[in-house]
């Protein structure tokens, strides 16, 4: 089993107009997560990246559902929309081993 850092998720209010100070990192177009009510842009650092995330109005409805109350997107609402780091994501070469080890 191998675990490696993949990316972090960082909430940015008004992402459409965001630029890194000094434009230190390049921001690439990302995508939308329609089911979660979020969209993102990405800033790559080698094979890893920073996922800059913003929300749409739909997030407030989703955050109240039992299924999505623990999603990364709902964490933004739980934190009262405070900008900043929300979570870290890892990659693995054997997810089944990871699940067994956690259990």
PDB file of N, CA and C in Angstrom:
ATOM      1  N   UNK A   1       0.855  -1.186   0.000  1.00  0.00           N
ATOM      2  CA  UNK A   1       0.000   0.000   0.000  1.00  0.00           C
ATOM      3  C   UNK A   1       0.893   1.239   0.000  1.00  0.00           C
ATOM      4  N   UNK A   2       0.558   2.151  -0.851  1.00  0.00           N
ATOM      5  CA  UNK A   2       1.346   3.359  -1.004  1.00  0.00           C
ATOM      6  C   UNK A   2       0.410   4.568  -0.948  1.00  0.00           C
ATOM      7  N   UNK A   3       0.647   5.496  -0.029  1.00  0.00           N
ATOM      8  CA  UNK A   3      -0.132   6.732   0.056  1.00  0.00           C
ATOM      9  C   UNK A   3       0.781   7.904  -0.265  1.00  0.00           C
ATOM     10  N   UNK A   4       0.302   8.806  -1.115  1.00  0.00           N
ATOM     11  CA  UNK A   4       1.061   9.997  -1.473  1.00  0.00           C
ATOM     12  C   UNK A   4       0.141  11.203  -1.461  1.00  0.00           C
ATOM     13  N   UNK A   5       0.735  12.343  -1.178  1.00  0.00           N
ATOM     14  CA  UNK A   5      -0.004  13.605  -1.260  1.00  0.00           C
ATOM     15  C   UNK A   5      -0.464  13.819  -2.701  1.00  0.00           C
ATOM     16  N   UNK A   6      -1.710  14.247  -2.884  1.00  0.00           N
ATOM     17  CA  UNK A   6      -2.241  14.537  -4.212  1.00  0.00           C
ATOM     18  C   UNK A   6      -2.559  16.029  -4.366  1.00  0.00           C
ATOM     19  N   UNK A   7      -3.466  16.524  -3.504  1.00  0.00           N
ATOM     20  CA  UNK A   7      -3.797  17.944  -3.582  1.00  0.00           C
ATOM     21  C   UNK A   7      -4.453  18.438  -2.300  1.00  0.00           C
ATOM     22  N   UNK A   8      -4.512  19.761  -2.174  1.00  0.00           N
ATOM     23  CA  UNK A   8      -5.260  20.377  -1.082  1.00  0.00           C
ATOM     24  C   UNK A   8      -6.444  21.107  -1.704  1.00  0.00           C
ATOM     25  N   UNK A   9      -7.476  21.272  -0.898  1.00  0.00           N
ATOM     26  CA  UNK A   9      -8.645  22.048  -1.317  1.00  0.00           C
ATOM     27  C   UNK A   9      -8.664  23.315  -0.471  1.00  0.00           C
ATOM     28  N   UNK A  10      -8.711  24.448  -1.142  1.00  0.00           N
ATOM     29  CA  UNK A  10      -8.653  25.759  -0.492  1.00  0.00           C
ATOM     30  C   UNK A  10      -9.846  26.582  -0.982  1.00  0.00           C
ATOM     31  N   UNK A  11     -10.697  27.007  -0.046  1.00  0.00           N
ATOM     32  CA  UNK A  11     -11.876  27.795  -0.418  1.00  0.00           C
ATOM     33  C   UNK A  11     -11.476  29.251  -0.647  1.00  0.00           C
ATOM     34  N   UNK A  12     -11.914  29.787  -1.785  1.00  0.00           N
ATOM     35  CA  UNK A  12     -11.675  31.186  -2.134  1.00  0.00           C
ATOM     36  C   UNK A  12     -13.011  31.816  -2.516  1.00  0.00           C
ATOM     37  N   UNK A  13     -13.445  32.801  -1.742  1.00  0.00           N
ATOM     38  CA  UNK A  13     -14.652  33.542  -2.083  1.00  0.00           C
ATOM     39  C   UNK A  13     -14.345  34.417  -3.297  1.00  0.00           C
ATOM     40  N   UNK A  14     -15.230  34.452  -4.256  1.00  0.00           N
ATOM     41  CA  UNK A  14     -15.041  35.232  -5.486  1.00  0.00           C
ATOM     42  C   UNK A  14     -13.866  34.694  -6.316  1.00  0.00           C
ATOM     43  N   UNK A  15     -13.833  33.391  -6.483  1.00  0.00           N
ATOM     44  CA  UNK A  15     -12.753  32.727  -7.220  1.00  0.00           C
ATOM     45  C   UNK A  15     -12.600  33.246  -8.650  1.00  0.00           C
ATOM     46  N   UNK A  16     -13.694  33.650  -9.245  1.00  0.00           N
ATOM     47  CA  UNK A  16     -13.631  34.097 -10.651  1.00  0.00           C
ATOM     48  C   UNK A  16     -12.630  35.226 -10.851  1.00  0.00           C
ATOM     49  N   UNK A  17     -12.418  36.060  -9.850  1.00  0.00           N
ATOM     50  CA  UNK A  17     -11.492  37.189  -9.985  1.00  0.00           C
ATOM     51  C   UNK A  17     -10.193  37.003  -9.196  1.00  0.00           C
ATOM     52  N   UNK A  18      -9.976  35.832  -8.617  1.00  0.00           N
ATOM     53  CA  UNK A  18      -8.800  35.601  -7.774  1.00  0.00           C
ATOM     54  C   UNK A  18      -7.516  35.423  -8.592  1.00  0.00           C
ATOM     55  N   UNK A  19      -6.432  36.025  -8.119  1.00  0.00           N
ATOM     56  CA  UNK A  19      -5.079  35.807  -8.633  1.00  0.00           C
ATOM     57  C   UNK A  19      -4.155  35.647  -7.432  1.00  0.00           C
ATOM     58  N   UNK A  20      -3.184  34.763  -7.524  1.00  0.00           N
ATOM     59  CA  UNK A  20      -2.208  34.658  -6.448  1.00  0.00           C
ATOM     60  C   UNK A  20      -1.449  35.968  -6.344  1.00  0.00           C
ATOM     61  N   UNK A  21      -1.180  36.434  -5.123  1.00  0.00           N
ATOM     62  CA  UNK A  21      -0.386  37.666  -4.975  1.00  0.00           C
ATOM     63  C   UNK A  21       0.934  37.523  -5.728  1.00  0.00           C
ATOM     64  N   UNK A  22       1.243  38.501  -6.531  1.00  0.00           N
ATOM     65  CA  UNK A  22       2.465  38.460  -7.322  1.00  0.00           C
ATOM     66  C   UNK A  22       2.397  37.467  -8.465  1.00  0.00           C
ATOM     67  N   UNK A  23       1.231  36.862  -8.631  1.00  0.00           N
ATOM     68  CA  UNK A  23       1.021  35.852  -9.671  1.00  0.00           C
ATOM     69  C   UNK A  23       2.120  34.785  -9.641  1.00  0.00           C
ATOM     70  N   UNK A  24       2.457  34.371  -8.416  1.00  0.00           N
ATOM     71  CA  UNK A  24       3.509  33.390  -8.181  1.00  0.00           C
ATOM     72  C   UNK A  24       3.180  32.048  -8.832  1.00  0.00           C
ATOM     73  N   UNK A  25       1.923  31.631  -8.742  1.00  0.00           N
ATOM     74  CA  UNK A  25       1.497  30.361  -9.324  1.00  0.00           C
ATOM     75  C   UNK A  25       0.480  30.628 -10.426  1.00  0.00           C
ATOM     76  N   UNK A  26       0.514  29.820 -11.447  1.00  0.00           N
ATOM     77  CA  UNK A  26      -0.428  29.932 -12.550  1.00  0.00           C
ATOM     78  C   UNK A  26      -1.710  29.186 -12.202  1.00  0.00           C
ATOM     79  N   UNK A  27      -2.824  29.794 -12.499  1.00  0.00           N
ATOM     80  CA  UNK A  27      -4.125  29.172 -12.239  1.00  0.00           C
ATOM     81  C   UNK A  27      -4.709  28.687 -13.556  1.00  0.00           C
ATOM     82  N   UNK A  28      -5.054  27.408 -13.589  1.00  0.00           N
ATOM     83  CA  UNK A  28      -5.634  26.782 -14.771  1.00  0.00           C
ATOM     84  C   UNK A  28      -7.153  26.671 -14.610  1.00  0.00           C
ATOM     85  N   UNK A  29      -7.878  26.686 -15.720  1.00  0.00           N
ATOM     86  CA  UNK A  29      -9.323  26.448 -15.629  1.00  0.00           C
ATOM     87  C   UNK A  29      -9.589  25.085 -14.991  1.00  0.00           C
ATOM     88  N   UNK A  30     -10.631  25.004 -14.246  1.00  0.00           N
ATOM     89  CA  UNK A  30     -11.007  23.746 -13.604  1.00  0.00           C
ATOM     90  C   UNK A  30     -12.340  23.267 -14.134  1.00  0.00           C
ATOM     91  N   UNK A  31     -13.212  22.917 -13.228  1.00  0.00           N
ATOM     92  CA  UNK A  31     -14.508  22.414 -13.638  1.00  0.00           C
ATOM     93  C   UNK A  31     -15.554  22.692 -12.591  1.00  0.00           C
ATOM     94  N   UNK A  32     -16.713  22.096 -12.794  1.00  0.00           N
ATOM     95  CA  UNK A  32     -17.832  22.247 -11.867  1.00  0.00           C
ATOM     96  C   UNK A  32     -18.146  20.905 -11.237  1.00  0.00           C
ATOM     97  N   UNK A  33     -18.669  20.964 -10.029  1.00  0.00           N
ATOM     98  CA  UNK A  33     -19.191  19.797  -9.324  1.00  0.00           C
ATOM     99  C   UNK A  33     -20.688  20.068  -9.137  1.00  0.00           C
ATOM    100  N   UNK A  34     -21.501  19.846 -10.174  1.00  0.00           N
ATOM    101  CA  UNK A  34     -22.921  20.225 -10.114  1.00  0.00           C
ATOM    102  C   UNK A  34     -23.667  19.608  -8.935  1.00  0.00           C
ATOM    103  N   UNK A  35     -23.363  18.385  -8.598  1.00  0.00           N
ATOM    104  CA  UNK A  35     -24.060  17.718  -7.499  1.00  0.00           C
ATOM    105  C   UNK A  35     -23.756  18.397  -6.155  1.00  0.00           C
ATOM    106  N   UNK A  36     -22.553  18.976  -6.030  1.00  0.00           N
ATOM    107  CA  UNK A  36     -22.147  19.594  -4.765  1.00  0.00           C
ATOM    108  C   UNK A  36     -22.358  21.099  -4.721  1.00  0.00           C
ATOM    109  N   UNK A  37     -22.588  21.708  -5.870  1.00  0.00           N
ATOM    110  CA  UNK A  37     -22.776  23.155  -5.882  1.00  0.00           C
ATOM    111  C   UNK A  37     -21.470  23.918  -5.775  1.00  0.00           C
ATOM    112  N   UNK A  38     -20.380  23.361  -6.325  1.00  0.00           N
ATOM    113  CA  UNK A  38     -19.080  24.027  -6.288  1.00  0.00           C
ATOM    114  C   UNK A  38     -18.450  24.045  -7.677  1.00  0.00           C
ATOM    115  N   UNK A  39     -17.450  24.887  -7.834  1.00  0.00           N
ATOM    116  CA  UNK A  39     -16.624  24.892  -9.038  1.00  0.00           C
ATOM    117  C   UNK A  39     -15.194  25.197  -8.609  1.00  0.00           C
ATOM    118  N   UNK A  40     -14.228  24.892  -9.491  1.00  0.00           N
ATOM    119  CA  UNK A  40     -12.842  25.067  -9.078  1.00  0.00           C
ATOM    120  C   UNK A  40     -11.955  25.579 -10.194  1.00  0.00           C
ATOM    121  N   UNK A  41     -10.766  25.979  -9.788  1.00  0.00           N
ATOM    122  CA  UNK A  41      -9.628  26.255 -10.662  1.00  0.00           C
ATOM    123  C   UNK A  41      -8.459  25.524 -10.021  1.00  0.00           C
ATOM    124  N   UNK A  42      -7.444  25.214 -10.821  1.00  0.00           N
ATOM    125  CA  UNK A  42      -6.337  24.396 -10.336  1.00  0.00           C
ATOM    126  C   UNK A  42      -5.012  25.101 -10.543  1.00  0.00           C
ATOM    127  N   UNK A  43      -4.118  24.897  -9.590  1.00  0.00           N
ATOM    128  CA  UNK A  43      -2.763  25.420  -9.708  1.00  0.00           C
ATOM    129  C   UNK A  43      -1.810  24.255  -9.479  1.00  0.00           C
ATOM    130  N   UNK A  44      -1.153  23.819 -10.550  1.00  0.00           N
ATOM    131  CA  UNK A  44      -0.307  22.622 -10.502  1.00  0.00           C
ATOM    132  C   UNK A  44       1.097  22.938  -9.996  1.00  0.00           C
ATOM    133  N   UNK A  45       1.596  22.022  -9.181  1.00  0.00           N
ATOM    134  CA  UNK A  45       2.971  22.056  -8.704  1.00  0.00           C
ATOM    135  C   UNK A  45       3.502  20.645  -8.916  1.00  0.00           C
ATOM    136  N   UNK A  46       4.215  20.451 -10.016  1.00  0.00           N
ATOM    137  CA  UNK A  46       4.644  19.114 -10.446  1.00  0.00           C
ATOM    138  C   UNK A  46       3.404  18.247 -10.645  1.00  0.00           C
ATOM    139  N   UNK A  47       3.346  17.064 -10.050  1.00  0.00           N
ATOM    140  CA  UNK A  47       2.187  16.185 -10.230  1.00  0.00           C
ATOM    141  C   UNK A  47       1.089  16.443  -9.201  1.00  0.00           C
ATOM    142  N   UNK A  48       1.289  17.401  -8.328  1.00  0.00           N
ATOM    143  CA  UNK A  48       0.320  17.746  -7.291  1.00  0.00           C
ATOM    144  C   UNK A  48      -0.322  19.091  -7.631  1.00  0.00           C
ATOM    145  N   UNK A  49      -1.352  19.449  -6.884  1.00  0.00           N
ATOM    146  CA  UNK A  49      -1.990  20.722  -7.185  1.00  0.00           C
ATOM    147  C   UNK A  49      -2.753  21.282  -5.994  1.00  0.00           C
ATOM    148  N   UNK A  50      -3.049  22.558  -6.109  1.00  0.00           N
ATOM    149  CA  UNK A  50      -3.941  23.255  -5.180  1.00  0.00           C
ATOM    150  C   UNK A  50      -5.261  23.394  -5.920  1.00  0.00           C
ATOM    151  N   UNK A  51      -6.328  22.903  -5.306  1.00  0.00           N
ATOM    152  CA  UNK A  51      -7.663  23.065  -5.880  1.00  0.00           C
ATOM    153  C   UNK A  51      -8.305  24.258  -5.200  1.00  0.00           C
ATOM    154  N   UNK A  52      -8.472  25.321  -5.952  1.00  0.00           N
ATOM    155  CA  UNK A  52      -9.138  26.518  -5.451  1.00  0.00           C
ATOM    156  C   UNK A  52     -10.621  26.338  -5.716  1.00  0.00           C
ATOM    157  N   UNK A  53     -11.414  26.421  -4.674  1.00  0.00           N
ATOM    158  CA  UNK A  53     -12.826  26.051  -4.757  1.00  0.00           C
ATOM    159  C   UNK A  53     -13.709  27.220  -4.354  1.00  0.00           C
ATOM    160  N   UNK A  54     -14.795  27.404  -5.054  1.00  0.00           N
ATOM    161  CA  UNK A  54     -15.807  28.400  -4.686  1.00  0.00           C
ATOM    162  C   UNK A  54     -17.169  27.720  -4.774  1.00  0.00           C
ATOM    163  N   UNK A  55     -18.175  28.365  -4.241  1.00  0.00           N
ATOM    164  CA  UNK A  55     -19.495  27.743  -4.139  1.00  0.00           C
ATOM    165  C   UNK A  55     -20.532  28.495  -4.955  1.00  0.00           C
ATOM    166  N   UNK A  56     -21.599  27.769  -5.270  1.00  0.00           N
ATOM    167  CA  UNK A  56     -22.774  28.347  -5.897  1.00  0.00           C
ATOM    168  C   UNK A  56     -23.903  28.270  -4.877  1.00  0.00           C
ATOM    169  N   UNK A  57     -25.004  28.929  -5.135  1.00  0.00           N
ATOM    170  CA  UNK A  57     -26.130  28.957  -4.196  1.00  0.00           C
ATOM    171  C   UNK A  57     -26.621  27.565  -3.821  1.00  0.00           C
ATOM    172  N   UNK A  58     -26.481  26.628  -4.724  1.00  0.00           N
ATOM    173  CA  UNK A  58     -26.979  25.269  -4.511  1.00  0.00           C
ATOM    174  C   UNK A  58     -26.350  24.600  -3.274  1.00  0.00           C
ATOM    175  N   UNK A  59     -25.146  25.019  -2.887  1.00  0.00           N
ATOM    176  CA  UNK A  59     -24.451  24.379  -1.767  1.00  0.00           C
ATOM    177  C   UNK A  59     -25.277  24.411  -0.487  1.00  0.00           C
ATOM    178  N   UNK A  60     -25.967  25.471  -0.218  1.00  0.00           N
ATOM    179  CA  UNK A  60     -26.726  25.585   1.035  1.00  0.00           C
ATOM    180  C   UNK A  60     -27.807  24.514   1.127  1.00  0.00           C
ATOM    181  N   UNK A  61     -28.442  24.170   0.018  1.00  0.00           N
ATOM    182  CA  UNK A  61     -29.464  23.122   0.019  1.00  0.00           C
ATOM    183  C   UNK A  61     -28.818  21.758   0.234  1.00  0.00           C
ATOM    184  N   UNK A  62     -27.695  21.525  -0.410  1.00  0.00           N
ATOM    185  CA  UNK A  62     -27.001  20.242  -0.322  1.00  0.00           C
ATOM    186  C   UNK A  62     -26.456  20.003   1.080  1.00  0.00           C
ATOM    187  N   UNK A  63     -25.940  21.046   1.706  1.00  0.00           N
ATOM    188  CA  UNK A  63     -25.322  20.914   3.027  1.00  0.00           C
ATOM    189  C   UNK A  63     -26.293  20.397   4.073  1.00  0.00           C
ATOM    190  N   UNK A  64     -27.567  20.503   3.801  1.00  0.00           N
ATOM    191  CA  UNK A  64     -28.578  20.068   4.759  1.00  0.00           C
ATOM    192  C   UNK A  64     -29.004  18.619   4.561  1.00  0.00           C
ATOM    193  N   UNK A  65     -28.528  17.960   3.502  1.00  0.00           N
ATOM    194  CA  UNK A  65     -28.920  16.578   3.266  1.00  0.00           C
ATOM    195  C   UNK A  65     -28.025  15.629   4.050  1.00  0.00           C
ATOM    196  N   UNK A  66     -28.571  14.509   4.459  1.00  0.00           N
ATOM    197  CA  UNK A  66     -27.809  13.518   5.228  1.00  0.00           C
ATOM    198  C   UNK A  66     -26.637  12.981   4.414  1.00  0.00           C
ATOM    199  N   UNK A  67     -26.860  12.746   3.139  1.00  0.00           N
ATOM    200  CA  UNK A  67     -25.821  12.161   2.275  1.00  0.00           C
ATOM    201  C   UNK A  67     -24.606  13.075   2.126  1.00  0.00           C
ATOM    202  N   UNK A  68     -24.826  14.354   2.013  1.00  0.00           N
ATOM    203  CA  UNK A  68     -23.729  15.283   1.728  1.00  0.00           C
ATOM    204  C   UNK A  68     -23.211  16.050   2.946  1.00  0.00           C
ATOM    205  N   UNK A  69     -23.740  15.796   4.119  1.00  0.00           N
ATOM    206  CA  UNK A  69     -23.324  16.592   5.280  1.00  0.00           C
ATOM    207  C   UNK A  69     -21.858  16.426   5.634  1.00  0.00           C
ATOM    208  N   UNK A  70     -21.196  15.376   5.140  1.00  0.00           N
ATOM    209  CA  UNK A  70     -19.779  15.171   5.427  1.00  0.00           C
ATOM    210  C   UNK A  70     -18.891  15.379   4.198  1.00  0.00           C
ATOM    211  N   UNK A  71     -19.426  15.935   3.127  1.00  0.00           N
ATOM    212  CA  UNK A  71     -18.629  16.151   1.911  1.00  0.00           C
ATOM    213  C   UNK A  71     -17.649  17.310   2.117  1.00  0.00           C
ATOM    214  N   UNK A  72     -16.614  17.338   1.282  1.00  0.00           N
ATOM    215  CA  UNK A  72     -15.640  18.434   1.364  1.00  0.00           C
ATOM    216  C   UNK A  72     -16.308  19.772   1.110  1.00  0.00           C
ATOM    217  N   UNK A  73     -17.320  19.803   0.263  1.00  0.00           N
ATOM    218  CA  UNK A  73     -17.998  21.055  -0.047  1.00  0.00           C
ATOM    219  C   UNK A  73     -18.787  21.573   1.154  1.00  0.00           C
ATOM    220  N   UNK A  74     -19.422  20.677   1.877  1.00  0.00           N
ATOM    221  CA  UNK A  74     -20.215  21.072   3.038  1.00  0.00           C
ATOM    222  C   UNK A  74     -19.331  21.665   4.136  1.00  0.00           C
ATOM    223  N   UNK A  75     -18.069  21.274   4.184  1.00  0.00           N
ATOM    224  CA  UNK A  75     -17.123  21.824   5.168  1.00  0.00           C
ATOM    225  C   UNK A  75     -17.054  23.341   5.044  1.00  0.00           C
ATOM    226  N   UNK A  76     -17.202  23.851   3.845  1.00  0.00           N
ATOM    227  CA  UNK A  76     -17.177  25.300   3.634  1.00  0.00           C
ATOM    228  C   UNK A  76     -18.324  25.964   4.383  1.00  0.00           C
ATOM    229  N   UNK A  77     -19.530  25.429   4.252  1.00  0.00           N
ATOM    230  CA  UNK A  77     -20.687  25.984   4.960  1.00  0.00           C
ATOM    231  C   UNK A  77     -20.526  25.819   6.464  1.00  0.00           C
ATOM    232  N   UNK A  78     -20.027  24.662   6.902  1.00  0.00           N
ATOM    233  CA  UNK A  78     -19.831  24.421   8.335  1.00  0.00           C
ATOM    234  C   UNK A  78     -18.829  25.404   8.940  1.00  0.00           C
ATOM    235  N   UNK A  79     -17.883  25.870   8.137  1.00  0.00           N
ATOM    236  CA  UNK A  79     -16.885  26.842   8.595  1.00  0.00           C
ATOM    237  C   UNK A  79     -17.350  28.282   8.389  1.00  0.00           C
ATOM    238  N   UNK A  80     -18.652  28.477   8.182  1.00  0.00           N
ATOM    239  CA  UNK A  80     -19.232  29.808   7.983  1.00  0.00           C
ATOM    240  C   UNK A  80     -18.577  30.578   6.843  1.00  0.00           C
ATOM    241  N   UNK A  81     -18.225  29.857   5.790  1.00  0.00           N
ATOM    242  CA  UNK A  81     -17.662  30.438   4.580  1.00  0.00           C
ATOM    243  C   UNK A  81     -16.377  31.223   4.825  1.00  0.00           C
ATOM    244  N   UNK A  82     -15.611  30.794   5.818  1.00  0.00           N
ATOM    245  CA  UNK A  82     -14.289  31.386   6.054  1.00  0.00           C
ATOM    246  C   UNK A  82     -13.346  30.887   4.970  1.00  0.00           C
ATOM    247  N   UNK A  83     -12.671  31.798   4.321  1.00  0.00           N
ATOM    248  CA  UNK A  83     -11.735  31.399   3.275  1.00  0.00           C
ATOM    249  C   UNK A  83     -10.556  30.645   3.878  1.00  0.00           C
ATOM    250  N   UNK A  84     -10.005  29.730   3.109  1.00  0.00           N
ATOM    251  CA  UNK A  84      -8.797  29.043   3.546  1.00  0.00           C
ATOM    252  C   UNK A  84      -8.814  27.559   3.261  1.00  0.00           C
ATOM    253  N   UNK A  85      -7.799  26.900   3.787  1.00  0.00           N
ATOM    254  CA  UNK A  85      -7.569  25.473   3.622  1.00  0.00           C
ATOM    255  C   UNK A  85      -8.738  24.678   4.209  1.00  0.00           C
ATOM    256  N   UNK A  86      -9.236  23.689   3.452  1.00  0.00           N
ATOM    257  CA  UNK A  86     -10.356  22.876   3.926  1.00  0.00           C
ATOM    258  C   UNK A  86      -9.980  21.416   4.123  1.00  0.00           C
ATOM    259  N   UNK A  87      -9.206  20.835   3.222  1.00  0.00           N
ATOM    260  CA  UNK A  87      -8.846  19.429   3.386  1.00  0.00           C
ATOM    261  C   UNK A  87      -7.660  19.080   2.498  1.00  0.00           C
ATOM    262  N   UNK A  88      -7.078  17.931   2.771  1.00  0.00           N
ATOM    263  CA  UNK A  88      -5.966  17.409   1.995  1.00  0.00           C
ATOM    264  C   UNK A  88      -6.395  16.071   1.402  1.00  0.00           C
ATOM    265  N   UNK A  89      -5.998  15.802   0.191  1.00  0.00           N
ATOM    266  CA  UNK A  89      -6.374  14.565  -0.489  1.00  0.00           C
ATOM    267  C   UNK A  89      -5.125  13.755  -0.824  1.00  0.00           C
ATOM    268  N   UNK A  90      -5.225  12.462  -0.631  1.00  0.00           N
ATOM    269  CA  UNK A  90      -4.114  11.549  -0.892  1.00  0.00           C
ATOM    270  C   UNK A  90      -4.443  10.657  -2.078  1.00  0.00           C
ATOM    271  N   UNK A  91      -3.416  10.092  -2.685  1.00  0.00           N
ATOM    272  CA  UNK A  91      -3.614   9.082  -3.730  1.00  0.00           C
ATOM    273  C   UNK A  91      -2.986   7.789  -3.248  1.00  0.00           C
ATOM    274  N   UNK A  92      -3.478   6.687  -3.762  1.00  0.00           N
ATOM    275  CA  UNK A  92      -2.972   5.377  -3.371  1.00  0.00           C
ATOM    276  C   UNK A  92      -2.922   4.452  -4.581  1.00  0.00           C
ATOM    277  N   UNK A  93      -2.102   3.423  -4.450  1.00  0.00           N
ATOM    278  CA  UNK A  93      -2.046   2.418  -5.507  1.00  0.00           C
ATOM    279  C   UNK A  93      -2.893   1.195  -5.157  1.00  0.00           C
ATOM    280  N   UNK A  94      -3.523   1.212  -3.951  1.00  0.00           N
ATOM    281  CA  UNK A  94      -4.348   0.075  -3.550  1.00  0.00           C
ATOM    282  C   UNK A  94      -5.390   0.519  -2.514  1.00  0.00           C
ATOM    283  N   UNK A  95      -6.500   1.037  -2.991  1.00  0.00           N
ATOM    284  CA  UNK A  95      -7.536   1.563  -2.092  1.00  0.00           C
ATOM    285  C   UNK A  95      -8.122   0.488  -1.189  1.00  0.00           C
ATOM    286  N   UNK A  96      -8.189  -0.751  -1.665  1.00  0.00           N
ATOM    287  CA  UNK A  96      -8.735  -1.833  -0.839  1.00  0.00           C
ATOM    288  C   UNK A  96      -7.869  -2.078   0.393  1.00  0.00           C
ATOM    289  N   UNK A  97      -6.557  -2.014   0.252  1.00  0.00           N
ATOM    290  CA  UNK A  97      -5.658  -2.172   1.403  1.00  0.00           C
ATOM    291  C   UNK A  97      -5.825  -1.018   2.391  1.00  0.00           C
ATOM    292  N   UNK A  98      -6.013   0.154   1.870  1.00  0.00           N
ATOM    293  CA  UNK A  98      -6.218   1.331   2.729  1.00  0.00           C
ATOM    294  C   UNK A  98      -7.495   1.145   3.551  1.00  0.00           C
ATOM    295  N   UNK A  99      -8.552   0.727   2.898  1.00  0.00           N
ATOM    296  CA  UNK A  99      -9.828   0.497   3.592  1.00  0.00           C
ATOM    297  C   UNK A  99      -9.665  -0.554   4.691  1.00  0.00           C
ATOM    298  N   UNK A 100      -9.000  -1.656   4.382  1.00  0.00           N
ATOM    299  CA  UNK A 100      -8.769  -2.708   5.380  1.00  0.00           C
ATOM    300  C   UNK A 100      -7.984  -2.185   6.573  1.00  0.00           C
ATOM    301  N   UNK A 101      -6.936  -1.421   6.294  1.00  0.00           N
ATOM    302  CA  UNK A 101      -6.091  -0.911   7.373  1.00  0.00           C
ATOM    303  C   UNK A 101      -6.869   0.063   8.276  1.00  0.00           C
ATOM    304  N   UNK A 102      -7.691   0.886   7.678  1.00  0.00           N
ATOM    305  CA  UNK A 102      -8.493   1.823   8.458  1.00  0.00           C
ATOM    306  C   UNK A 102      -9.510   1.106   9.326  1.00  0.00           C
ATOM    307  N   UNK A 103     -10.147   0.088   8.743  1.00  0.00           N
ATOM    308  CA  UNK A 103     -11.145  -0.668   9.503  1.00  0.00           C
ATOM    309  C   UNK A 103     -10.491  -1.436  10.613  1.00  0.00           C
TER     310      UNK A 103
END
